[in-house]
């Protein structure tokens, strides 16, 4: 592929061949993008990099990332990378003579030596409308904050955290019924739809990157297990219902109950805001043997489905039937580990 300089911010193609790129990704959202790039006639995929296998599940067996698993199933060359900035790996990337490095949900920061390596730069897809929700958990934050809109941002990577100039955005309206895992999959499919077009338009100069307004930036950190703990005393019913969807499937929106003197954690998987009911926060309001409605800081929350330790997800009716309709005592203090 031959290029001629047409200004500081972009390159213009005068004779085009296939786009040579390397893919860095780990999370579920990156899988549709990898699949699209691997089958695109316009692209030569020079390799796939992902995080190393990590312990998961009760047996702590080593498990590949979603991208790692997908790459192996597709017989793609994949590197499981402990440190993307390792000198040997950088030498490997340099040997590939890349036009782009495409990054989505990778989980490691790239140093300047890598950022400057591809001819057309490193293109990152971030699952928010930047500069909002820079960082590790943008999809969860959009749901937690009950936003009316989210989307993807295609940006030119620089040393700052998700602070690079923007090439392209995709806007997605939210209807306050989305779950995190479903929304992540949808955003991945949406990013894959436009990926080839964005790469081509960057090369041609048709897409000119626009700097972010850093004064409007917000940053979100990685989600930890204890973030899923809800409080009927300090949270409204709408906030808890949003948390149920935002923290699904992990870490789950959970609370603790006392069951014959033992502390047990219950995770809500589906709930409904009851604006027609009010009660003391944490109080179990009137209901039948198949109902569990709990007072909150504002309004009440009807639990529809939940999971209990060592059991599969179930309806609240099945849970209460197993207890012969007796509702356990909700604990206000959190006894779990701060992880």
C-alpha atoms as a PDB file:
ATOM      1  CA  UNK A   1       0.000   0.000   0.000  1.00  0.00           C
ATOM      2  CA  UNK A   2       1.544   3.318  -1.073  1.00  0.00           C
ATOM      3  CA  UNK A   3       0.814   6.606   0.685  1.00  0.00           C
ATOM      4  CA  UNK A   4       1.475  10.262   0.224  1.00  0.00           C
ATOM      5  CA  UNK A   5       1.371  12.785   3.074  1.00  0.00           C
ATOM      6  CA  UNK A   6      -1.733  14.978   2.834  1.00  0.00           C
ATOM      7  CA  UNK A   7      -1.451  16.807   6.138  1.00  0.00           C
ATOM      8  CA  UNK A   8      -0.452  16.032   9.666  1.00  0.00           C
ATOM      9  CA  UNK A   9      -3.624  14.242  10.744  1.00  0.00           C
ATOM     10  CA  UNK A  10      -4.291  11.776   7.941  1.00  0.00           C
ATOM     11  CA  UNK A  11      -2.864   9.853   4.987  1.00  0.00           C
ATOM     12  CA  UNK A  12      -4.278   9.690   1.478  1.00  0.00           C
ATOM     13  CA  UNK A  13      -4.070   6.517  -0.565  1.00  0.00           C
ATOM     14  CA  UNK A  14      -2.759   6.771  -4.154  1.00  0.00           C
ATOM     15  CA  UNK A  15      -2.589   3.047  -4.773  1.00  0.00           C
ATOM     16  CA  UNK A  16      -4.646   0.758  -2.591  1.00  0.00           C
ATOM     17  CA  UNK A  17      -4.208  -2.852  -1.574  1.00  0.00           C
ATOM     18  CA  UNK A  18      -5.619  -4.756   1.364  1.00  0.00           C
ATOM     19  CA  UNK A  19      -5.465  -3.167   4.812  1.00  0.00           C
ATOM     20  CA  UNK A  20      -2.905  -4.888   7.029  1.00  0.00           C
ATOM     21  CA  UNK A  21      -3.820  -4.826  10.695  1.00  0.00           C
ATOM     22  CA  UNK A  22      -3.290  -6.478  14.052  1.00  0.00           C
ATOM     23  CA  UNK A  23      -6.191  -6.949  16.491  1.00  0.00           C
ATOM     24  CA  UNK A  24      -6.009  -6.495  20.273  1.00  0.00           C
ATOM     25  CA  UNK A  25      -9.092  -7.462  22.277  1.00  0.00           C
ATOM     26  CA  UNK A  26     -10.301  -9.562  25.187  1.00  0.00           C
ATOM     27  CA  UNK A  27     -13.945  -8.989  26.173  1.00  0.00           C
ATOM     28  CA  UNK A  28     -17.212 -10.197  24.651  1.00  0.00           C
ATOM     29  CA  UNK A  29     -17.825  -6.892  22.887  1.00  0.00           C
ATOM     30  CA  UNK A  30     -14.691  -7.456  20.810  1.00  0.00           C
ATOM     31  CA  UNK A  31     -15.780 -10.833  19.410  1.00  0.00           C
ATOM     32  CA  UNK A  32     -18.119  -9.583  16.621  1.00  0.00           C
ATOM     33  CA  UNK A  33     -15.453  -7.088  15.509  1.00  0.00           C
ATOM     34  CA  UNK A  34     -12.823  -9.826  15.309  1.00  0.00           C
ATOM     35  CA  UNK A  35     -15.194 -12.037  13.332  1.00  0.00           C
ATOM     36  CA  UNK A  36     -15.930  -9.219  10.900  1.00  0.00           C
ATOM     37  CA  UNK A  37     -12.261  -8.376  10.364  1.00  0.00           C
ATOM     38  CA  UNK A  38     -11.278 -12.014   9.886  1.00  0.00           C
ATOM     39  CA  UNK A  39     -13.717 -12.550   7.009  1.00  0.00           C
ATOM     40  CA  UNK A  40     -13.435  -9.144   5.318  1.00  0.00           C
ATOM     41  CA  UNK A  41     -11.916  -9.264   1.816  1.00  0.00           C
ATOM     42  CA  UNK A  42     -10.504  -5.768   2.334  1.00  0.00           C
ATOM     43  CA  UNK A  43      -8.350  -6.800   5.317  1.00  0.00           C
ATOM     44  CA  UNK A  44      -5.290  -8.910   5.976  1.00  0.00           C
ATOM     45  CA  UNK A  45      -5.492  -9.861   9.645  1.00  0.00           C
ATOM     46  CA  UNK A  46      -1.871 -10.263  10.706  1.00  0.00           C
ATOM     47  CA  UNK A  47      -2.634 -11.636  14.144  1.00  0.00           C
ATOM     48  CA  UNK A  48      -4.739 -11.447  17.301  1.00  0.00           C
ATOM     49  CA  UNK A  49      -3.542 -10.456  20.758  1.00  0.00           C
ATOM     50  CA  UNK A  50      -5.501 -10.999  23.967  1.00  0.00           C
ATOM     51  CA  UNK A  51      -5.034 -11.227  27.717  1.00  0.00           C
ATOM     52  CA  UNK A  52      -3.599 -14.413  29.220  1.00  0.00           C
ATOM     53  CA  UNK A  53      -5.886 -17.193  30.467  1.00  0.00           C
ATOM     54  CA  UNK A  54      -7.125 -16.570  34.012  1.00  0.00           C
ATOM     55  CA  UNK A  55      -8.736 -18.716  36.732  1.00  0.00           C
ATOM     56  CA  UNK A  56     -12.533 -18.822  36.639  1.00  0.00           C
ATOM     57  CA  UNK A  57     -15.381 -20.753  38.201  1.00  0.00           C
ATOM     58  CA  UNK A  58     -15.532 -22.771  41.379  1.00  0.00           C
ATOM     59  CA  UNK A  59     -12.571 -24.907  40.381  1.00  0.00           C
ATOM     60  CA  UNK A  60     -10.500 -21.865  39.324  1.00  0.00           C
ATOM     61  CA  UNK A  61      -9.628 -23.549  36.042  1.00  0.00           C
ATOM     62  CA  UNK A  62      -7.681 -21.417  33.574  1.00  0.00           C
ATOM     63  CA  UNK A  63     -10.052 -19.972  30.985  1.00  0.00           C
ATOM     64  CA  UNK A  64      -9.257 -18.033  27.795  1.00  0.00           C
ATOM     65  CA  UNK A  65     -10.769 -14.640  27.153  1.00  0.00           C
ATOM     66  CA  UNK A  66     -13.793 -14.536  24.828  1.00  0.00           C
ATOM     67  CA  UNK A  67     -11.511 -13.217  22.078  1.00  0.00           C
ATOM     68  CA  UNK A  68      -8.922 -15.897  22.786  1.00  0.00           C
ATOM     69  CA  UNK A  69     -11.526 -18.642  22.603  1.00  0.00           C
ATOM     70  CA  UNK A  70     -13.007 -17.241  19.390  1.00  0.00           C
ATOM     71  CA  UNK A  71      -9.604 -16.876  17.717  1.00  0.00           C
ATOM     72  CA  UNK A  72      -8.673 -20.462  18.531  1.00  0.00           C
ATOM     73  CA  UNK A  73     -12.016 -21.757  17.229  1.00  0.00           C
ATOM     74  CA  UNK A  74     -11.440 -19.836  13.986  1.00  0.00           C
ATOM     75  CA  UNK A  75      -7.843 -21.091  13.650  1.00  0.00           C
ATOM     76  CA  UNK A  76      -6.512 -17.537  13.789  1.00  0.00           C
ATOM     77  CA  UNK A  77      -2.976 -16.824  14.980  1.00  0.00           C
ATOM     78  CA  UNK A  78      -3.370 -15.627  18.577  1.00  0.00           C
ATOM     79  CA  UNK A  79      -0.914 -14.304  21.157  1.00  0.00           C
ATOM     80  CA  UNK A  80      -1.816 -14.436  24.850  1.00  0.00           C
ATOM     81  CA  UNK A  81       0.034 -11.391  26.074  1.00  0.00           C
ATOM     82  CA  UNK A  82       1.196 -10.846  29.682  1.00  0.00           C
ATOM     83  CA  UNK A  83       2.607  -7.413  28.780  1.00  0.00           C
ATOM     84  CA  UNK A  84       1.763  -5.787  25.469  1.00  0.00           C
ATOM     85  CA  UNK A  85       4.646  -3.332  25.892  1.00  0.00           C
ATOM     86  CA  UNK A  86       7.270  -6.077  26.115  1.00  0.00           C
ATOM     87  CA  UNK A  87      10.191  -5.342  23.778  1.00  0.00           C
ATOM     88  CA  UNK A  88      10.003  -8.716  22.047  1.00  0.00           C
ATOM     89  CA  UNK A  89       6.307  -8.344  21.273  1.00  0.00           C
ATOM     90  CA  UNK A  90       6.880  -4.810  19.944  1.00  0.00           C
ATOM     91  CA  UNK A  91       9.573  -6.168  17.623  1.00  0.00           C
ATOM     92  CA  UNK A  92       7.050  -8.713  16.375  1.00  0.00           C
ATOM     93  CA  UNK A  93       4.481  -6.005  15.657  1.00  0.00           C
ATOM     94  CA  UNK A  94       7.069  -3.915  13.845  1.00  0.00           C
ATOM     95  CA  UNK A  95       7.955  -6.853  11.601  1.00  0.00           C
ATOM     96  CA  UNK A  96       4.350  -7.047  10.370  1.00  0.00           C
ATOM     97  CA  UNK A  97       4.474  -3.675   8.558  1.00  0.00           C
ATOM     98  CA  UNK A  98       0.995  -2.703   9.802  1.00  0.00           C
ATOM     99  CA  UNK A  99      -1.435  -0.088   8.564  1.00  0.00           C
ATOM    100  CA  UNK A 100      -3.526  -0.258  11.774  1.00  0.00           C
ATOM    101  CA  UNK A 101      -3.690  -1.800  15.191  1.00  0.00           C
ATOM    102  CA  UNK A 102      -7.375  -2.149  16.123  1.00  0.00           C
ATOM    103  CA  UNK A 103      -8.096  -2.238  19.858  1.00  0.00           C
ATOM    104  CA  UNK A 104     -11.361  -3.019  21.617  1.00  0.00           C
ATOM    105  CA  UNK A 105     -11.852  -4.139  25.233  1.00  0.00           C
ATOM    106  CA  UNK A 106      -8.230  -5.287  25.471  1.00  0.00           C
ATOM    107  CA  UNK A 107      -7.437  -4.462  29.094  1.00  0.00           C
ATOM    108  CA  UNK A 108      -3.856  -3.174  28.847  1.00  0.00           C
ATOM    109  CA  UNK A 109      -2.498   0.315  28.178  1.00  0.00           C
ATOM    110  CA  UNK A 110      -0.370   0.770  25.076  1.00  0.00           C
ATOM    111  CA  UNK A 111       2.769   2.847  25.395  1.00  0.00           C
ATOM    112  CA  UNK A 112       3.756   5.461  22.845  1.00  0.00           C
ATOM    113  CA  UNK A 113       6.155   3.161  20.992  1.00  0.00           C
ATOM    114  CA  UNK A 114       3.239   0.935  19.955  1.00  0.00           C
ATOM    115  CA  UNK A 115       0.880   3.849  19.313  1.00  0.00           C
ATOM    116  CA  UNK A 116       3.300   5.273  16.746  1.00  0.00           C
ATOM    117  CA  UNK A 117       4.066   1.941  15.096  1.00  0.00           C
ATOM    118  CA  UNK A 118       1.240   1.471  12.500  1.00  0.00           C
ATOM    119  CA  UNK A 119       1.198   3.787   9.478  1.00  0.00           C
ATOM    120  CA  UNK A 120      -2.378   4.911  10.135  1.00  0.00           C
ATOM    121  CA  UNK A 121      -2.264   4.672  13.920  1.00  0.00           C
ATOM    122  CA  UNK A 122      -4.042   2.629  16.579  1.00  0.00           C
ATOM    123  CA  UNK A 123      -7.833   2.687  16.306  1.00  0.00           C
ATOM    124  CA  UNK A 124      -9.804   2.051  19.496  1.00  0.00           C
ATOM    125  CA  UNK A 125     -13.519   1.313  19.774  1.00  0.00           C
ATOM    126  CA  UNK A 126     -14.892   2.430  23.150  1.00  0.00           C
ATOM    127  CA  UNK A 127     -18.442   1.584  24.262  1.00  0.00           C
ATOM    128  CA  UNK A 128     -19.576   5.053  25.257  1.00  0.00           C
ATOM    129  CA  UNK A 129     -20.138   8.458  23.707  1.00  0.00           C
ATOM    130  CA  UNK A 130     -16.805   9.968  24.637  1.00  0.00           C
ATOM    131  CA  UNK A 131     -15.744  11.979  26.549  1.00  0.00           C
ATOM    132  CA  UNK A 132     -18.423  10.428  28.788  1.00  0.00           C
ATOM    133  CA  UNK A 133     -17.422   7.278  30.679  1.00  0.00           C
ATOM    134  CA  UNK A 134     -13.774   6.936  29.827  1.00  0.00           C
ATOM    135  CA  UNK A 135     -12.343   3.838  31.461  1.00  0.00           C
ATOM    136  CA  UNK A 136     -13.201   0.241  32.198  1.00  0.00           C
ATOM    137  CA  UNK A 137     -16.989   0.020  32.722  1.00  0.00           C
ATOM    138  CA  UNK A 138     -18.842   2.357  30.329  1.00  0.00           C
ATOM    139  CA  UNK A 139     -21.773   0.046  29.559  1.00  0.00           C
ATOM    140  CA  UNK A 140     -22.469  -0.630  33.237  1.00  0.00           C
ATOM    141  CA  UNK A 141     -22.301   3.083  34.050  1.00  0.00           C
ATOM    142  CA  UNK A 142     -24.747   4.046  31.299  1.00  0.00           C
ATOM    143  CA  UNK A 143     -27.293   1.613  32.731  1.00  0.00           C
ATOM    144  CA  UNK A 144     -26.633   2.550  36.360  1.00  0.00           C
ATOM    145  CA  UNK A 145     -27.174   6.223  35.575  1.00  0.00           C
ATOM    146  CA  UNK A 146     -30.342   5.419  33.609  1.00  0.00           C
ATOM    147  CA  UNK A 147     -29.022   7.243  30.556  1.00  0.00           C
ATOM    148  CA  UNK A 148     -31.327   7.673  27.599  1.00  0.00           C
ATOM    149  CA  UNK A 149     -28.522   7.115  25.095  1.00  0.00           C
ATOM    150  CA  UNK A 150     -25.195   5.323  24.721  1.00  0.00           C
ATOM    151  CA  UNK A 151     -23.085   4.173  21.775  1.00  0.00           C
ATOM    152  CA  UNK A 152     -19.627   3.467  20.394  1.00  0.00           C
ATOM    153  CA  UNK A 153     -16.761   5.843  19.724  1.00  0.00           C
ATOM    154  CA  UNK A 154     -14.039   5.089  17.164  1.00  0.00           C
ATOM    155  CA  UNK A 155     -10.995   7.089  18.204  1.00  0.00           C
ATOM    156  CA  UNK A 156      -7.333   7.570  17.421  1.00  0.00           C
ATOM    157  CA  UNK A 157      -5.409   6.301  20.432  1.00  0.00           C
ATOM    158  CA  UNK A 158      -2.970   8.469  22.381  1.00  0.00           C
ATOM    159  CA  UNK A 159      -1.208   8.110  25.725  1.00  0.00           C
ATOM    160  CA  UNK A 160      -4.182   9.346  27.790  1.00  0.00           C
ATOM    161  CA  UNK A 161      -7.020   7.109  28.966  1.00  0.00           C
ATOM    162  CA  UNK A 162      -9.621   7.079  26.168  1.00  0.00           C
ATOM    163  CA  UNK A 163      -8.741  10.701  25.439  1.00  0.00           C
ATOM    164  CA  UNK A 164      -7.848  10.461  21.740  1.00  0.00           C
ATOM    165  CA  UNK A 165      -9.465  12.402  18.932  1.00  0.00           C
ATOM    166  CA  UNK A 166     -12.720  10.952  17.547  1.00  0.00           C
ATOM    167  CA  UNK A 167     -13.226   9.647  14.011  1.00  0.00           C
ATOM    168  CA  UNK A 168     -16.748   8.263  14.229  1.00  0.00           C
ATOM    169  CA  UNK A 169     -19.578   7.703  16.713  1.00  0.00           C
ATOM    170  CA  UNK A 170     -22.582   5.388  16.760  1.00  0.00           C
ATOM    171  CA  UNK A 171     -25.599   6.463  18.832  1.00  0.00           C
ATOM    172  CA  UNK A 172     -27.937   3.966  20.509  1.00  0.00           C
ATOM    173  CA  UNK A 173     -31.129   4.999  22.379  1.00  0.00           C
ATOM    174  CA  UNK A 174     -31.789   3.269  25.697  1.00  0.00           C
ATOM    175  CA  UNK A 175     -35.280   2.311  26.871  1.00  0.00           C
ATOM    176  CA  UNK A 176     -34.435   1.349  30.489  1.00  0.00           C
ATOM    177  CA  UNK A 177     -35.016  -2.370  29.897  1.00  0.00           C
ATOM    178  CA  UNK A 178     -31.545  -3.342  28.627  1.00  0.00           C
ATOM    179  CA  UNK A 179     -29.314  -5.781  30.502  1.00  0.00           C
ATOM    180  CA  UNK A 180     -25.555  -5.287  30.454  1.00  0.00           C
ATOM    181  CA  UNK A 181     -24.651  -8.502  28.650  1.00  0.00           C
ATOM    182  CA  UNK A 182     -27.265  -7.984  25.935  1.00  0.00           C
ATOM    183  CA  UNK A 183     -26.250  -4.362  25.416  1.00  0.00           C
ATOM    184  CA  UNK A 184     -22.574  -5.314  25.221  1.00  0.00           C
ATOM    185  CA  UNK A 185     -23.328  -7.856  22.500  1.00  0.00           C
ATOM    186  CA  UNK A 186     -25.429  -5.341  20.568  1.00  0.00           C
ATOM    187  CA  UNK A 187     -22.712  -2.673  20.728  1.00  0.00           C
ATOM    188  CA  UNK A 188     -20.147  -5.211  19.529  1.00  0.00           C
ATOM    189  CA  UNK A 189     -22.323  -6.130  16.544  1.00  0.00           C
ATOM    190  CA  UNK A 190     -22.854  -2.436  15.817  1.00  0.00           C
ATOM    191  CA  UNK A 191     -19.117  -1.708  15.920  1.00  0.00           C
ATOM    192  CA  UNK A 192     -18.444  -4.630  13.590  1.00  0.00           C
ATOM    193  CA  UNK A 193     -20.962  -3.267  11.083  1.00  0.00           C
ATOM    194  CA  UNK A 194     -19.036  -0.023  10.571  1.00  0.00           C
ATOM    195  CA  UNK A 195     -15.463  -1.194  11.170  1.00  0.00           C
ATOM    196  CA  UNK A 196     -14.324  -1.758   7.582  1.00  0.00           C
ATOM    197  CA  UNK A 197     -15.944   1.454   6.384  1.00  0.00           C
ATOM    198  CA  UNK A 198     -14.242   3.445   9.159  1.00  0.00           C
ATOM    199  CA  UNK A 199     -10.814   1.982   8.334  1.00  0.00           C
ATOM    200  CA  UNK A 200     -11.217   2.780   4.654  1.00  0.00           C
ATOM    201  CA  UNK A 201     -12.388   6.325   5.312  1.00  0.00           C
ATOM    202  CA  UNK A 202      -9.501   7.004   7.678  1.00  0.00           C
ATOM    203  CA  UNK A 203      -7.043   5.906   4.996  1.00  0.00           C
ATOM    204  CA  UNK A 204      -8.743   8.002   2.302  1.00  0.00           C
ATOM    205  CA  UNK A 205      -8.887  11.052   4.533  1.00  0.00           C
ATOM    206  CA  UNK A 206     -12.685  11.188   4.371  1.00  0.00           C
ATOM    207  CA  UNK A 207     -12.851  10.866   8.172  1.00  0.00           C
ATOM    208  CA  UNK A 208     -11.027  13.643   9.976  1.00  0.00           C
ATOM    209  CA  UNK A 209     -10.514  13.142  13.696  1.00  0.00           C
ATOM    210  CA  UNK A 210     -12.043  15.697  16.067  1.00  0.00           C
ATOM    211  CA  UNK A 211     -10.479  16.361  19.498  1.00  0.00           C
ATOM    212  CA  UNK A 212     -12.581  15.537  22.547  1.00  0.00           C
ATOM    213  CA  UNK A 213     -13.793  18.238  24.918  1.00  0.00           C
ATOM    214  CA  UNK A 214     -11.715  17.183  27.925  1.00  0.00           C
ATOM    215  CA  UNK A 215     -13.629  19.527  30.252  1.00  0.00           C
ATOM    216  CA  UNK A 216     -16.678  17.251  29.874  1.00  0.00           C
ATOM    217  CA  UNK A 217     -14.845  14.001  30.544  1.00  0.00           C
ATOM    218  CA  UNK A 218     -15.989  11.476  33.139  1.00  0.00           C
ATOM    219  CA  UNK A 219     -14.019   8.397  34.149  1.00  0.00           C
ATOM    220  CA  UNK A 220     -15.278   4.999  35.360  1.00  0.00           C
ATOM    221  CA  UNK A 221     -13.227   2.298  37.025  1.00  0.00           C
ATOM    222  CA  UNK A 222     -13.284  -1.467  36.781  1.00  0.00           C
ATOM    223  CA  UNK A 223     -16.264  -3.088  38.509  1.00  0.00           C
ATOM    224  CA  UNK A 224     -15.527  -5.095  41.659  1.00  0.00           C
ATOM    225  CA  UNK A 225     -17.601  -7.753  43.380  1.00  0.00           C
ATOM    226  CA  UNK A 226     -18.773  -5.529  46.232  1.00  0.00           C
ATOM    227  CA  UNK A 227     -20.165  -2.925  43.802  1.00  0.00           C
ATOM    228  CA  UNK A 228     -23.208  -5.147  43.316  1.00  0.00           C
ATOM    229  CA  UNK A 229     -24.373  -4.680  46.929  1.00  0.00           C
ATOM    230  CA  UNK A 230     -27.655  -2.763  46.968  1.00  0.00           C
ATOM    231  CA  UNK A 231     -29.231  -0.840  49.821  1.00  0.00           C
ATOM    232  CA  UNK A 232     -32.970  -0.399  50.199  1.00  0.00           C
ATOM    233  CA  UNK A 233     -32.273   2.376  52.727  1.00  0.00           C
ATOM    234  CA  UNK A 234     -30.127   4.592  50.518  1.00  0.00           C
ATOM    235  CA  UNK A 235     -31.264   3.699  46.984  1.00  0.00           C
ATOM    236  CA  UNK A 236     -34.540   4.378  45.216  1.00  0.00           C
ATOM    237  CA  UNK A 237     -36.465   1.536  43.619  1.00  0.00           C
ATOM    238  CA  UNK A 238     -35.505   2.871  40.178  1.00  0.00           C
ATOM    239  CA  UNK A 239     -31.810   2.894  41.104  1.00  0.00           C
ATOM    240  CA  UNK A 240     -31.956  -0.691  42.354  1.00  0.00           C
ATOM    241  CA  UNK A 241     -33.828  -1.908  39.280  1.00  0.00           C
ATOM    242  CA  UNK A 242     -31.187  -0.215  37.094  1.00  0.00           C
ATOM    243  CA  UNK A 243     -28.451  -1.920  39.134  1.00  0.00           C
ATOM    244  CA  UNK A 244     -30.102  -5.309  38.535  1.00  0.00           C
ATOM    245  CA  UNK A 245     -29.655  -4.818  34.791  1.00  0.00           C
ATOM    246  CA  UNK A 246     -26.291  -3.023  34.947  1.00  0.00           C
ATOM    247  CA  UNK A 247     -24.600  -5.691  37.069  1.00  0.00           C
ATOM    248  CA  UNK A 248     -25.959  -8.681  35.138  1.00  0.00           C
ATOM    249  CA  UNK A 249     -24.502 -11.273  34.944  1.00  0.00           C
ATOM    250  CA  UNK A 250     -21.598 -10.167  37.167  1.00  0.00           C
ATOM    251  CA  UNK A 251     -21.308  -9.271  39.992  1.00  0.00           C
ATOM    252  CA  UNK A 252     -25.101  -9.224  40.258  1.00  0.00           C
ATOM    253  CA  UNK A 253     -27.263  -6.859  42.294  1.00  0.00           C
ATOM    254  CA  UNK A 254     -27.451  -8.544  45.675  1.00  0.00           C
ATOM    255  CA  UNK A 255     -28.516  -8.044  49.283  1.00  0.00           C
ATOM    256  CA  UNK A 256     -28.149 -10.099  52.426  1.00  0.00           C
ATOM    257  CA  UNK A 257     -30.763 -11.791  54.573  1.00  0.00           C
ATOM    258  CA  UNK A 258     -30.752 -13.595  57.895  1.00  0.00           C
ATOM    259  CA  UNK A 259     -32.068 -17.112  57.545  1.00  0.00           C
ATOM    260  CA  UNK A 260     -32.401 -18.828  60.932  1.00  0.00           C
ATOM    261  CA  UNK A 261     -29.372 -16.900  62.154  1.00  0.00           C
ATOM    262  CA  UNK A 262     -27.262 -17.543  59.053  1.00  0.00           C
ATOM    263  CA  UNK A 263     -26.311 -14.783  56.625  1.00  0.00           C
ATOM    264  CA  UNK A 264     -27.249 -15.554  53.029  1.00  0.00           C
ATOM    265  CA  UNK A 265     -26.786 -13.529  49.846  1.00  0.00           C
ATOM    266  CA  UNK A 266     -29.673 -13.191  47.381  1.00  0.00           C
ATOM    267  CA  UNK A 267     -29.062 -11.848  43.885  1.00  0.00           C
ATOM    268  CA  UNK A 268     -31.935 -10.147  42.069  1.00  0.00           C
ATOM    269  CA  UNK A 269     -32.085 -10.973  38.353  1.00  0.00           C
ATOM    270  CA  UNK A 270     -35.388  -9.311  37.459  1.00  0.00           C
ATOM    271  CA  UNK A 271     -37.356  -6.638  39.281  1.00  0.00           C
ATOM    272  CA  UNK A 272     -40.079  -4.066  38.785  1.00  0.00           C
ATOM    273  CA  UNK A 273     -40.422  -0.553  40.197  1.00  0.00           C
ATOM    274  CA  UNK A 274     -43.720  -0.082  42.056  1.00  0.00           C
ATOM    275  CA  UNK A 275     -44.471   3.629  42.052  1.00  0.00           C
ATOM    276  CA  UNK A 276     -47.900   2.858  43.506  1.00  0.00           C
ATOM    277  CA  UNK A 277     -46.461   1.640  46.813  1.00  0.00           C
ATOM    278  CA  UNK A 278     -44.454   3.222  49.618  1.00  0.00           C
ATOM    279  CA  UNK A 279     -43.091   1.769  52.820  1.00  0.00           C
ATOM    280  CA  UNK A 280     -40.227   1.982  55.243  1.00  0.00           C
ATOM    281  CA  UNK A 281     -36.922   1.262  53.443  1.00  0.00           C
ATOM    282  CA  UNK A 282     -36.108  -2.434  53.740  1.00  0.00           C
ATOM    283  CA  UNK A 283     -39.616  -3.299  54.949  1.00  0.00           C
ATOM    284  CA  UNK A 284     -41.406  -6.229  53.325  1.00  0.00           C
ATOM    285  CA  UNK A 285     -44.716  -4.774  52.175  1.00  0.00           C
ATOM    286  CA  UNK A 286     -48.043  -6.570  51.883  1.00  0.00           C
ATOM    287  CA  UNK A 287     -48.082  -9.397  49.370  1.00  0.00           C
ATOM    288  CA  UNK A 288     -49.168 -12.959  48.840  1.00  0.00           C
ATOM    289  CA  UNK A 289     -47.148 -16.153  49.126  1.00  0.00           C
ATOM    290  CA  UNK A 290     -45.754 -15.576  45.635  1.00  0.00           C
ATOM    291  CA  UNK A 291     -44.963 -11.855  46.038  1.00  0.00           C
ATOM    292  CA  UNK A 292     -42.026 -10.042  47.558  1.00  0.00           C
ATOM    293  CA  UNK A 293     -42.239  -6.259  47.489  1.00  0.00           C
ATOM    294  CA  UNK A 294     -39.702  -4.240  49.473  1.00  0.00           C
ATOM    295  CA  UNK A 295     -39.832  -0.594  50.489  1.00  0.00           C
ATOM    296  CA  UNK A 296     -36.973   1.591  49.236  1.00  0.00           C
ATOM    297  CA  UNK A 297     -35.719   5.125  49.750  1.00  0.00           C
ATOM    298  CA  UNK A 298     -38.362   6.067  47.195  1.00  0.00           C
ATOM    299  CA  UNK A 299     -41.235   3.847  46.041  1.00  0.00           C
ATOM    300  CA  UNK A 300     -40.969   0.052  46.288  1.00  0.00           C
ATOM    301  CA  UNK A 301     -39.284  -2.787  44.447  1.00  0.00           C
ATOM    302  CA  UNK A 302     -41.072  -5.949  43.383  1.00  0.00           C
ATOM    303  CA  UNK A 303     -38.644  -8.837  43.052  1.00  0.00           C
ATOM    304  CA  UNK A 304     -39.633 -11.102  40.166  1.00  0.00           C
ATOM    305  CA  UNK A 305     -36.645 -13.428  39.809  1.00  0.00           C
ATOM    306  CA  UNK A 306     -33.591 -14.132  41.972  1.00  0.00           C
ATOM    307  CA  UNK A 307     -30.819 -16.592  42.670  1.00  0.00           C
ATOM    308  CA  UNK A 308     -29.790 -18.004  46.035  1.00  0.00           C
ATOM    309  CA  UNK A 309     -26.403 -19.526  46.979  1.00  0.00           C
ATOM    310  CA  UNK A 310     -25.889 -22.934  45.386  1.00  0.00           C
ATOM    311  CA  UNK A 311     -29.135 -22.741  43.407  1.00  0.00           C
ATOM    312  CA  UNK A 312     -30.127 -21.778  39.911  1.00  0.00           C
ATOM    313  CA  UNK A 313     -32.032 -18.624  39.091  1.00  0.00           C
ATOM    314  CA  UNK A 314     -35.710 -18.985  39.973  1.00  0.00           C
ATOM    315  CA  UNK A 315     -38.936 -17.055  40.245  1.00  0.00           C
ATOM    316  CA  UNK A 316     -39.592 -15.367  43.560  1.00  0.00           C
ATOM    317  CA  UNK A 317     -42.653 -17.610  43.905  1.00  0.00           C
ATOM    318  CA  UNK A 318     -40.487 -20.721  43.711  1.00  0.00           C
ATOM    319  CA  UNK A 319     -38.068 -19.252  46.232  1.00  0.00           C
ATOM    320  CA  UNK A 320     -40.840 -18.411  48.692  1.00  0.00           C
ATOM    321  CA  UNK A 321     -42.552 -21.752  48.171  1.00  0.00           C
ATOM    322  CA  UNK A 322     -39.300 -23.424  49.166  1.00  0.00           C
ATOM    323  CA  UNK A 323     -39.503 -21.398  52.369  1.00  0.00           C
ATOM    324  CA  UNK A 324     -43.212 -22.137  52.711  1.00  0.00           C
ATOM    325  CA  UNK A 325     -44.000 -18.519  51.989  1.00  0.00           C
ATOM    326  CA  UNK A 326     -41.829 -17.182  54.805  1.00  0.00           C
ATOM    327  CA  UNK A 327     -39.797 -14.133  53.811  1.00  0.00           C
ATOM    328  CA  UNK A 328     -36.314 -13.876  55.407  1.00  0.00           C
ATOM    329  CA  UNK A 329     -35.136 -10.856  57.391  1.00  0.00           C
ATOM    330  CA  UNK A 330     -33.283  -8.324  55.240  1.00  0.00           C
ATOM    331  CA  UNK A 331     -29.980  -7.230  56.767  1.00  0.00           C
ATOM    332  CA  UNK A 332     -28.937  -3.582  56.600  1.00  0.00           C
ATOM    333  CA  UNK A 333     -25.225  -4.155  57.267  1.00  0.00           C
ATOM    334  CA  UNK A 334     -23.030  -5.726  54.612  1.00  0.00           C
ATOM    335  CA  UNK A 335     -21.092  -8.765  55.847  1.00  0.00           C
ATOM    336  CA  UNK A 336     -19.436  -9.806  52.575  1.00  0.00           C
ATOM    337  CA  UNK A 337     -15.835  -9.380  51.538  1.00  0.00           C
ATOM    338  CA  UNK A 338     -14.675  -6.146  50.002  1.00  0.00           C
ATOM    339  CA  UNK A 339     -13.423  -7.498  46.673  1.00  0.00           C
END
